[in-house]
């Protein structure tokens, strides 16, 4: 087990869990799909550039990559394990509401410099993300149903996440 995807909708804790997984096995590099996609001021790179960067990451022998469902089409066939974070919507809503205040005016560690959290901007994003929550889950579910070779660890709560961390740690 050397190639792991942490996926889920916005606000489910992908970056936090991926950081814990990386700490458990520091020899495996951690990548944020947002860091591959974004430049600064929340602007996305052109899709061919994103695809090329993701292809470079997934061509290596070992990696942890965290991101939403848009990375799955390209990364899933190369992954050994997928952790799907899918907590209750109330918890996700809470996380999305407090995130801009916890990082007020700062760039989160998983993002490229210049992508600062400001409440007004992040709340517009959060509302759109919450409205699309069922679409995120459906897209992830559809991708994972088509995958037969990977281990899929569906985490709905802290106990599930703890179990996934133990499995990942034991594999190293």
N, C-alpha and C. Protein backbone atom coordinates (compact mmCIF):
# COMPACT_ATOMS: atom_id res chain seq x y z
N UNK A 1 0.84 -1.18 0.00
CA UNK A 1 0.00 0.00 0.00
C UNK A 1 0.89 1.24 0.00
N UNK A 2 0.99 1.88 -1.17
CA UNK A 2 1.87 3.04 -1.32
C UNK A 2 1.18 4.24 -1.94
N UNK A 3 -0.03 4.03 -2.50
CA UNK A 3 -0.72 5.10 -3.23
C UNK A 3 -2.13 5.25 -2.68
N UNK A 4 -2.39 6.40 -2.08
CA UNK A 4 -3.64 6.59 -1.37
C UNK A 4 -4.31 7.89 -1.78
N UNK A 5 -5.61 7.83 -1.97
CA UNK A 5 -6.43 9.02 -2.24
C UNK A 5 -7.32 9.25 -1.03
N UNK A 6 -7.39 10.51 -0.59
CA UNK A 6 -8.36 10.92 0.42
C UNK A 6 -9.32 11.84 -0.31
N UNK A 7 -10.59 11.44 -0.38
CA UNK A 7 -11.56 12.23 -1.13
C UNK A 7 -12.82 12.47 -0.31
N UNK A 8 -13.63 13.36 -0.82
CA UNK A 8 -14.89 13.74 -0.19
C UNK A 8 -15.25 15.13 -0.63
N UNK A 9 -16.38 15.59 -0.19
CA UNK A 9 -16.85 16.94 -0.52
C UNK A 9 -16.03 17.98 0.26
N UNK A 10 -16.24 19.23 -0.04
CA UNK A 10 -15.57 20.31 0.66
C UNK A 10 -15.99 20.30 2.13
N UNK A 11 -15.02 20.51 3.02
CA UNK A 11 -15.32 20.63 4.43
C UNK A 11 -15.44 19.31 5.19
N UNK A 12 -15.06 18.20 4.58
CA UNK A 12 -15.17 16.91 5.28
C UNK A 12 -13.92 16.57 6.08
N UNK A 13 -12.84 17.33 5.89
CA UNK A 13 -11.61 17.08 6.65
C UNK A 13 -10.52 16.38 5.86
N UNK A 14 -10.57 16.47 4.53
CA UNK A 14 -9.58 15.78 3.69
C UNK A 14 -8.15 16.19 4.03
N UNK A 15 -7.89 17.48 4.11
CA UNK A 15 -6.53 17.96 4.38
C UNK A 15 -6.06 17.52 5.75
N UNK A 16 -6.93 17.60 6.73
CA UNK A 16 -6.59 17.21 8.10
C UNK A 16 -6.23 15.72 8.17
N UNK A 17 -7.09 14.88 7.59
CA UNK A 17 -6.85 13.43 7.62
C UNK A 17 -5.61 13.08 6.81
N UNK A 18 -5.45 13.71 5.64
CA UNK A 18 -4.27 13.43 4.81
C UNK A 18 -2.98 13.79 5.55
N UNK A 19 -3.01 14.85 6.31
CA UNK A 19 -1.83 15.24 7.10
C UNK A 19 -1.53 14.18 8.16
N UNK A 20 -2.56 13.64 8.79
CA UNK A 20 -2.36 12.57 9.78
C UNK A 20 -1.78 11.32 9.12
N UNK A 21 -2.29 10.99 7.94
CA UNK A 21 -1.78 9.82 7.21
C UNK A 21 -0.32 10.02 6.83
N UNK A 22 0.01 11.23 6.40
CA UNK A 22 1.38 11.56 6.03
C UNK A 22 2.31 11.48 7.24
N UNK A 23 1.84 11.92 8.38
CA UNK A 23 2.64 11.84 9.61
C UNK A 23 2.91 10.39 10.00
N UNK A 24 1.95 9.52 9.74
CA UNK A 24 2.11 8.11 10.08
C UNK A 24 3.13 7.43 9.17
N UNK A 25 3.24 7.92 7.93
CA UNK A 25 4.20 7.34 6.97
C UNK A 25 4.88 8.49 6.21
N UNK A 26 5.81 9.18 6.89
CA UNK A 26 6.42 10.38 6.32
C UNK A 26 7.27 10.14 5.07
N UNK A 27 7.60 8.91 4.79
CA UNK A 27 8.37 8.61 3.59
C UNK A 27 7.52 8.73 2.31
N UNK A 28 6.20 8.80 2.48
CA UNK A 28 5.30 8.91 1.33
C UNK A 28 4.88 10.37 1.19
N UNK A 29 5.15 10.99 0.03
CA UNK A 29 4.83 12.42 -0.13
C UNK A 29 3.33 12.68 -0.19
N UNK A 30 2.96 13.82 0.35
CA UNK A 30 1.57 14.27 0.40
C UNK A 30 1.37 15.39 -0.61
N UNK A 31 0.27 15.29 -1.38
CA UNK A 31 -0.08 16.32 -2.36
C UNK A 31 -1.53 16.72 -2.16
N UNK A 32 -1.79 18.01 -2.31
CA UNK A 32 -3.15 18.53 -2.30
C UNK A 32 -3.55 18.79 -3.75
N UNK A 33 -4.69 18.25 -4.14
CA UNK A 33 -5.16 18.49 -5.51
C UNK A 33 -5.41 19.97 -5.72
N UNK A 34 -5.87 20.68 -4.69
CA UNK A 34 -6.06 22.13 -4.81
C UNK A 34 -4.74 22.84 -5.13
N UNK A 35 -3.65 22.35 -4.55
CA UNK A 35 -2.34 22.96 -4.83
C UNK A 35 -1.93 22.72 -6.29
N UNK A 36 -2.37 21.61 -6.85
CA UNK A 36 -2.08 21.33 -8.27
C UNK A 36 -2.97 22.17 -9.18
N UNK A 37 -4.20 22.44 -8.73
CA UNK A 37 -5.20 23.13 -9.56
C UNK A 37 -5.10 24.65 -9.54
N UNK A 38 -4.74 25.21 -8.40
CA UNK A 38 -4.84 26.66 -8.21
C UNK A 38 -3.52 27.38 -8.46
N UNK A 39 -3.64 28.64 -8.88
CA UNK A 39 -2.47 29.52 -8.93
C UNK A 39 -2.56 30.42 -7.71
N UNK A 40 -3.09 31.63 -7.85
CA UNK A 40 -3.33 32.49 -6.69
C UNK A 40 -4.67 33.19 -6.88
N UNK A 41 -5.15 33.81 -5.82
CA UNK A 41 -6.46 34.47 -5.84
C UNK A 41 -7.57 33.53 -6.31
N UNK A 42 -7.46 32.26 -5.97
CA UNK A 42 -8.47 31.25 -6.25
C UNK A 42 -8.70 31.02 -7.75
N UNK A 43 -7.70 31.30 -8.55
CA UNK A 43 -7.81 31.07 -9.99
C UNK A 43 -7.26 29.68 -10.33
N UNK A 44 -8.02 28.98 -11.18
CA UNK A 44 -7.60 27.64 -11.58
C UNK A 44 -6.68 27.67 -12.79
N UNK A 45 -5.77 26.73 -12.81
CA UNK A 45 -4.91 26.53 -13.98
C UNK A 45 -5.77 25.95 -15.11
N UNK A 46 -5.30 26.02 -16.34
CA UNK A 46 -6.01 25.36 -17.44
C UNK A 46 -6.04 23.84 -17.20
N UNK A 47 -7.14 23.19 -17.62
CA UNK A 47 -7.32 21.76 -17.38
C UNK A 47 -6.15 20.91 -17.89
N UNK A 48 -5.60 21.15 -19.07
CA UNK A 48 -4.45 20.33 -19.50
C UNK A 48 -3.25 20.43 -18.55
N UNK A 49 -3.05 21.60 -17.97
CA UNK A 49 -1.96 21.78 -17.02
C UNK A 49 -2.23 21.01 -15.72
N UNK A 50 -3.48 21.05 -15.27
CA UNK A 50 -3.87 20.29 -14.07
C UNK A 50 -3.68 18.81 -14.31
N UNK A 51 -4.16 18.33 -15.46
CA UNK A 51 -4.03 16.91 -15.80
C UNK A 51 -2.57 16.48 -15.84
N UNK A 52 -1.72 17.32 -16.40
CA UNK A 52 -0.30 17.00 -16.50
C UNK A 52 0.32 16.91 -15.10
N UNK A 53 0.00 17.87 -14.23
CA UNK A 53 0.55 17.86 -12.86
C UNK A 53 0.07 16.62 -12.10
N UNK A 54 -1.21 16.29 -12.24
CA UNK A 54 -1.75 15.12 -11.55
C UNK A 54 -1.12 13.84 -12.11
N UNK A 55 -0.92 13.79 -13.40
CA UNK A 55 -0.29 12.63 -14.03
C UNK A 55 1.14 12.44 -13.51
N UNK A 56 1.87 13.53 -13.33
CA UNK A 56 3.23 13.45 -12.80
C UNK A 56 3.23 12.89 -11.37
N UNK A 57 2.28 13.33 -10.57
CA UNK A 57 2.19 12.83 -9.19
C UNK A 57 1.86 11.35 -9.18
N UNK A 58 0.83 10.96 -9.93
CA UNK A 58 0.37 9.57 -9.87
C UNK A 58 1.28 8.60 -10.62
N UNK A 59 2.24 9.10 -11.38
CA UNK A 59 3.21 8.23 -12.07
C UNK A 59 4.29 7.74 -11.12
N UNK A 60 4.42 8.37 -9.97
CA UNK A 60 5.47 7.96 -9.02
C UNK A 60 5.04 6.71 -8.25
N UNK A 61 5.99 6.14 -7.53
CA UNK A 61 5.77 4.86 -6.84
C UNK A 61 4.95 4.97 -5.56
N UNK A 62 4.91 6.16 -4.97
CA UNK A 62 4.21 6.31 -3.70
C UNK A 62 3.70 7.74 -3.56
N UNK A 63 2.48 7.87 -3.06
CA UNK A 63 1.90 9.20 -2.85
C UNK A 63 0.62 9.10 -2.02
N UNK A 64 0.33 10.23 -1.39
CA UNK A 64 -0.97 10.47 -0.77
C UNK A 64 -1.47 11.73 -1.46
N UNK A 65 -2.68 11.68 -1.99
CA UNK A 65 -3.25 12.89 -2.60
C UNK A 65 -4.64 13.08 -2.04
N UNK A 66 -4.91 14.32 -1.64
CA UNK A 66 -6.23 14.64 -1.12
C UNK A 66 -6.91 15.62 -2.06
N UNK A 67 -8.21 15.37 -2.30
CA UNK A 67 -8.97 16.26 -3.16
C UNK A 67 -10.36 15.73 -3.40
N UNK A 68 -11.15 16.54 -4.06
CA UNK A 68 -12.54 16.19 -4.34
C UNK A 68 -12.68 15.21 -5.48
N UNK A 69 -13.92 14.99 -5.89
CA UNK A 69 -14.19 13.95 -6.88
C UNK A 69 -13.58 14.20 -8.26
N UNK A 70 -13.20 15.42 -8.57
CA UNK A 70 -12.66 15.68 -9.91
C UNK A 70 -11.30 15.04 -10.14
N UNK A 71 -10.61 14.62 -9.10
CA UNK A 71 -9.32 13.95 -9.29
C UNK A 71 -9.48 12.45 -9.53
N UNK A 72 -10.64 11.91 -9.24
CA UNK A 72 -10.81 10.45 -9.24
C UNK A 72 -10.64 9.81 -10.62
N UNK A 73 -11.17 10.41 -11.66
CA UNK A 73 -11.10 9.79 -12.99
C UNK A 73 -9.66 9.46 -13.37
N UNK A 74 -8.76 10.35 -13.07
CA UNK A 74 -7.36 10.16 -13.45
C UNK A 74 -6.55 9.40 -12.40
N UNK A 75 -6.80 9.67 -11.13
CA UNK A 75 -5.96 9.08 -10.07
C UNK A 75 -6.44 7.72 -9.59
N UNK A 76 -7.73 7.47 -9.63
CA UNK A 76 -8.29 6.23 -9.08
C UNK A 76 -7.68 4.96 -9.68
N UNK A 77 -7.50 4.87 -10.99
CA UNK A 77 -6.92 3.63 -11.53
C UNK A 77 -5.50 3.32 -11.02
N UNK A 78 -4.82 4.32 -10.49
CA UNK A 78 -3.44 4.13 -10.03
C UNK A 78 -3.33 3.97 -8.51
N UNK A 79 -4.43 4.14 -7.81
CA UNK A 79 -4.42 4.11 -6.34
C UNK A 79 -4.54 2.69 -5.80
N UNK A 80 -3.91 2.47 -4.65
CA UNK A 80 -4.06 1.21 -3.92
C UNK A 80 -5.24 1.29 -2.95
N UNK A 81 -5.44 2.47 -2.39
CA UNK A 81 -6.45 2.67 -1.35
C UNK A 81 -7.13 4.02 -1.57
N UNK A 82 -8.44 4.04 -1.30
CA UNK A 82 -9.20 5.29 -1.31
C UNK A 82 -9.88 5.43 0.04
N UNK A 83 -9.69 6.56 0.65
CA UNK A 83 -10.44 6.89 1.86
C UNK A 83 -11.49 7.92 1.46
N UNK A 84 -12.75 7.54 1.60
CA UNK A 84 -13.87 8.44 1.27
C UNK A 84 -14.41 8.98 2.59
N UNK A 85 -14.15 10.25 2.82
CA UNK A 85 -14.66 10.92 4.03
C UNK A 85 -16.06 11.41 3.73
N UNK A 86 -17.02 10.96 4.54
CA UNK A 86 -18.42 11.25 4.28
C UNK A 86 -19.16 11.44 5.60
N UNK A 87 -18.80 12.50 6.36
CA UNK A 87 -19.44 12.72 7.66
C UNK A 87 -20.86 13.27 7.49
N UNK A 88 -21.60 13.37 8.58
CA UNK A 88 -22.94 13.97 8.51
C UNK A 88 -22.87 15.41 7.98
N UNK A 89 -23.91 15.81 7.26
CA UNK A 89 -23.95 17.15 6.65
C UNK A 89 -23.85 18.27 7.69
N UNK A 90 -24.41 18.06 8.87
CA UNK A 90 -24.34 19.10 9.90
C UNK A 90 -22.89 19.38 10.28
N UNK A 91 -22.09 18.35 10.43
CA UNK A 91 -20.68 18.53 10.76
C UNK A 91 -19.95 19.24 9.62
N UNK A 92 -20.22 18.82 8.40
CA UNK A 92 -19.61 19.46 7.23
C UNK A 92 -19.99 20.94 7.16
N UNK A 93 -21.24 21.25 7.41
CA UNK A 93 -21.70 22.64 7.39
C UNK A 93 -20.95 23.46 8.44
N UNK A 94 -20.85 22.92 9.64
CA UNK A 94 -20.14 23.61 10.72
C UNK A 94 -18.69 23.90 10.32
N UNK A 95 -18.02 22.90 9.77
CA UNK A 95 -16.62 23.08 9.37
C UNK A 95 -16.48 24.16 8.29
N UNK A 96 -17.39 24.16 7.33
CA UNK A 96 -17.32 25.17 6.27
C UNK A 96 -17.61 26.57 6.81
N UNK A 97 -18.43 26.66 7.84
CA UNK A 97 -18.76 27.97 8.40
C UNK A 97 -17.63 28.55 9.25
N UNK A 98 -16.89 27.68 9.96
CA UNK A 98 -15.82 28.21 10.82
C UNK A 98 -14.48 28.33 10.10
N UNK A 99 -14.30 27.61 9.00
CA UNK A 99 -13.00 27.60 8.32
C UNK A 99 -12.48 29.00 7.98
N UNK A 100 -13.28 29.89 7.39
CA UNK A 100 -12.70 31.20 7.05
C UNK A 100 -12.29 32.02 8.27
N UNK A 101 -12.91 31.77 9.41
CA UNK A 101 -12.55 32.52 10.62
C UNK A 101 -11.28 31.96 11.24
N UNK A 102 -11.08 30.66 11.11
CA UNK A 102 -9.86 30.04 11.64
C UNK A 102 -8.64 30.44 10.81
N UNK A 103 -8.87 30.77 9.56
CA UNK A 103 -7.76 31.09 8.65
C UNK A 103 -7.89 32.51 8.10
N UNK A 104 -8.53 33.37 8.84
CA UNK A 104 -8.86 34.71 8.37
C UNK A 104 -7.67 35.44 7.75
N UNK A 105 -7.78 35.71 6.46
CA UNK A 105 -6.74 36.47 5.76
C UNK A 105 -5.46 35.70 5.50
N UNK A 106 -5.47 34.40 5.81
CA UNK A 106 -4.26 33.58 5.63
C UNK A 106 -4.52 32.53 4.55
N UNK A 107 -3.44 32.04 4.00
CA UNK A 107 -3.51 30.92 3.06
C UNK A 107 -3.35 29.64 3.87
N UNK A 108 -4.29 28.70 3.70
CA UNK A 108 -4.19 27.41 4.38
C UNK A 108 -2.96 26.66 3.89
N UNK A 109 -2.37 25.81 4.74
CA UNK A 109 -1.12 25.12 4.37
C UNK A 109 -1.20 24.28 3.10
N UNK A 110 -2.37 23.75 2.80
CA UNK A 110 -2.50 22.87 1.63
C UNK A 110 -2.68 23.62 0.31
N UNK A 111 -2.75 24.94 0.38
CA UNK A 111 -3.01 25.74 -0.82
C UNK A 111 -1.77 26.52 -1.25
N UNK A 112 -1.70 26.87 -2.54
CA UNK A 112 -0.60 27.73 -2.98
C UNK A 112 -0.75 29.13 -2.36
N UNK A 113 0.36 29.80 -2.17
CA UNK A 113 0.35 31.14 -1.59
C UNK A 113 -0.56 32.05 -2.42
N UNK A 114 -1.26 32.94 -1.72
CA UNK A 114 -2.11 33.90 -2.40
C UNK A 114 -3.57 33.49 -2.48
N UNK A 115 -3.93 32.37 -1.88
CA UNK A 115 -5.33 31.93 -1.83
C UNK A 115 -5.81 32.06 -0.39
N UNK A 116 -6.10 33.30 -0.03
CA UNK A 116 -6.44 33.62 1.36
C UNK A 116 -7.93 33.39 1.63
N UNK A 117 -8.21 33.00 2.87
CA UNK A 117 -9.60 32.81 3.30
C UNK A 117 -10.17 34.12 3.81
N UNK A 118 -11.24 34.57 3.19
CA UNK A 118 -12.01 35.72 3.64
C UNK A 118 -13.46 35.25 3.76
N UNK A 119 -14.14 35.56 4.87
CA UNK A 119 -15.48 35.00 5.10
C UNK A 119 -16.47 35.19 3.94
N UNK A 120 -16.61 36.39 3.40
CA UNK A 120 -17.62 36.60 2.36
C UNK A 120 -17.37 35.67 1.17
N UNK A 121 -16.14 35.66 0.70
CA UNK A 121 -15.78 34.82 -0.44
C UNK A 121 -15.98 33.33 -0.12
N UNK A 122 -15.54 32.90 1.05
CA UNK A 122 -15.64 31.49 1.41
C UNK A 122 -17.07 31.06 1.70
N UNK A 123 -17.91 31.97 2.20
CA UNK A 123 -19.31 31.60 2.45
C UNK A 123 -20.07 31.40 1.15
N UNK A 124 -19.78 32.22 0.14
CA UNK A 124 -20.40 31.99 -1.17
C UNK A 124 -20.03 30.61 -1.68
N UNK A 125 -18.76 30.27 -1.55
CA UNK A 125 -18.27 28.95 -1.96
C UNK A 125 -18.93 27.85 -1.12
N UNK A 126 -19.01 28.05 0.19
CA UNK A 126 -19.57 27.04 1.09
C UNK A 126 -21.04 26.77 0.77
N UNK A 127 -21.79 27.82 0.53
CA UNK A 127 -23.22 27.64 0.22
C UNK A 127 -23.39 26.84 -1.07
N UNK A 128 -22.61 27.19 -2.08
CA UNK A 128 -22.66 26.45 -3.34
C UNK A 128 -22.27 24.99 -3.11
N UNK A 129 -21.23 24.76 -2.31
CA UNK A 129 -20.76 23.41 -2.02
C UNK A 129 -21.82 22.60 -1.26
N UNK A 130 -22.46 23.22 -0.30
CA UNK A 130 -23.48 22.53 0.48
C UNK A 130 -24.68 22.18 -0.39
N UNK A 131 -25.04 23.06 -1.29
CA UNK A 131 -26.15 22.76 -2.21
C UNK A 131 -25.82 21.57 -3.10
N UNK A 132 -24.54 21.40 -3.40
CA UNK A 132 -24.11 20.31 -4.30
C UNK A 132 -23.64 19.07 -3.55
N UNK A 133 -23.87 19.00 -2.26
CA UNK A 133 -23.38 17.87 -1.46
C UNK A 133 -23.82 16.53 -2.00
N UNK A 134 -25.08 16.40 -2.38
CA UNK A 134 -25.55 15.11 -2.90
C UNK A 134 -24.90 14.79 -4.24
N UNK A 135 -24.60 15.80 -5.03
CA UNK A 135 -23.90 15.58 -6.30
C UNK A 135 -22.48 15.08 -6.06
N UNK A 136 -21.80 15.68 -5.06
CA UNK A 136 -20.45 15.21 -4.71
C UNK A 136 -20.49 13.73 -4.34
N UNK A 137 -21.42 13.38 -3.45
CA UNK A 137 -21.52 11.99 -3.00
C UNK A 137 -21.85 11.05 -4.16
N UNK A 138 -22.75 11.47 -5.03
CA UNK A 138 -23.12 10.62 -6.17
C UNK A 138 -21.94 10.43 -7.12
N UNK A 139 -21.19 11.49 -7.39
CA UNK A 139 -20.02 11.37 -8.27
C UNK A 139 -18.96 10.45 -7.69
N UNK A 140 -18.70 10.62 -6.41
CA UNK A 140 -17.70 9.77 -5.74
C UNK A 140 -18.17 8.32 -5.75
N UNK A 141 -19.41 8.11 -5.38
CA UNK A 141 -19.97 6.75 -5.34
C UNK A 141 -19.89 6.09 -6.70
N UNK A 142 -20.25 6.81 -7.75
CA UNK A 142 -20.22 6.25 -9.11
C UNK A 142 -18.80 5.86 -9.51
N UNK A 143 -17.84 6.72 -9.21
CA UNK A 143 -16.44 6.41 -9.54
C UNK A 143 -15.96 5.18 -8.77
N UNK A 144 -16.29 5.12 -7.50
CA UNK A 144 -15.80 4.01 -6.68
C UNK A 144 -16.48 2.69 -7.05
N UNK A 145 -17.74 2.74 -7.47
CA UNK A 145 -18.44 1.53 -7.89
C UNK A 145 -17.80 0.91 -9.13
N UNK A 146 -17.21 1.73 -9.97
CA UNK A 146 -16.57 1.24 -11.19
C UNK A 146 -15.17 0.69 -10.93
N UNK A 147 -14.67 0.89 -9.74
CA UNK A 147 -13.31 0.47 -9.39
C UNK A 147 -13.35 -0.86 -8.67
N UNK A 148 -12.62 -1.84 -9.20
CA UNK A 148 -12.60 -3.16 -8.57
C UNK A 148 -11.29 -3.48 -7.86
N UNK A 149 -10.24 -2.76 -8.14
CA UNK A 149 -8.92 -3.15 -7.63
C UNK A 149 -8.52 -2.46 -6.33
N UNK A 150 -9.07 -1.34 -6.03
CA UNK A 150 -8.64 -0.60 -4.84
C UNK A 150 -9.40 -1.03 -3.59
N UNK A 151 -8.74 -0.81 -2.48
CA UNK A 151 -9.43 -0.92 -1.19
C UNK A 151 -10.13 0.41 -0.97
N UNK A 152 -11.37 0.36 -0.53
CA UNK A 152 -12.12 1.59 -0.29
C UNK A 152 -12.54 1.59 1.17
N UNK A 153 -12.07 2.62 1.87
CA UNK A 153 -12.41 2.77 3.28
C UNK A 153 -13.36 3.96 3.39
N UNK A 154 -14.63 3.67 3.62
CA UNK A 154 -15.67 4.69 3.69
C UNK A 154 -15.78 5.15 5.15
N UNK A 155 -15.35 6.37 5.41
CA UNK A 155 -15.30 6.90 6.78
C UNK A 155 -16.41 7.91 7.01
N UNK A 156 -17.31 7.57 7.93
CA UNK A 156 -18.43 8.46 8.24
C UNK A 156 -18.29 9.15 9.59
N UNK A 157 -17.31 8.71 10.39
CA UNK A 157 -17.14 9.28 11.72
C UNK A 157 -15.69 9.12 12.18
N UNK A 158 -15.39 9.64 13.35
CA UNK A 158 -14.02 9.59 13.88
C UNK A 158 -13.53 8.16 14.10
N UNK A 159 -14.42 7.27 14.49
CA UNK A 159 -14.03 5.87 14.71
C UNK A 159 -13.57 5.24 13.39
N UNK A 160 -14.28 5.52 12.30
CA UNK A 160 -13.88 5.00 10.98
C UNK A 160 -12.53 5.57 10.56
N UNK A 161 -12.33 6.86 10.82
CA UNK A 161 -11.06 7.50 10.46
C UNK A 161 -9.91 6.90 11.25
N UNK A 162 -10.14 6.67 12.53
CA UNK A 162 -9.12 6.03 13.38
C UNK A 162 -8.73 4.65 12.85
N UNK A 163 -9.73 3.88 12.44
CA UNK A 163 -9.48 2.55 11.90
C UNK A 163 -8.67 2.64 10.60
N UNK A 164 -8.99 3.61 9.76
CA UNK A 164 -8.26 3.79 8.50
C UNK A 164 -6.80 4.18 8.78
N UNK A 165 -6.60 5.08 9.74
CA UNK A 165 -5.25 5.47 10.11
C UNK A 165 -4.43 4.28 10.61
N UNK A 166 -5.05 3.42 11.38
CA UNK A 166 -4.36 2.23 11.89
C UNK A 166 -3.99 1.29 10.76
N UNK A 167 -4.90 1.08 9.81
CA UNK A 167 -4.62 0.20 8.66
C UNK A 167 -3.46 0.78 7.83
N UNK A 168 -3.52 2.07 7.59
CA UNK A 168 -2.48 2.73 6.79
C UNK A 168 -1.12 2.64 7.50
N UNK A 169 -1.12 2.90 8.79
CA UNK A 169 0.12 2.84 9.56
C UNK A 169 0.70 1.43 9.56
N UNK A 170 -0.16 0.44 9.72
CA UNK A 170 0.29 -0.95 9.77
C UNK A 170 0.85 -1.42 8.44
N UNK A 171 0.42 -0.81 7.35
CA UNK A 171 0.88 -1.20 6.02
C UNK A 171 2.31 -0.73 5.74
N UNK A 172 2.79 0.20 6.54
CA UNK A 172 4.14 0.75 6.32
C UNK A 172 5.13 -0.05 7.03
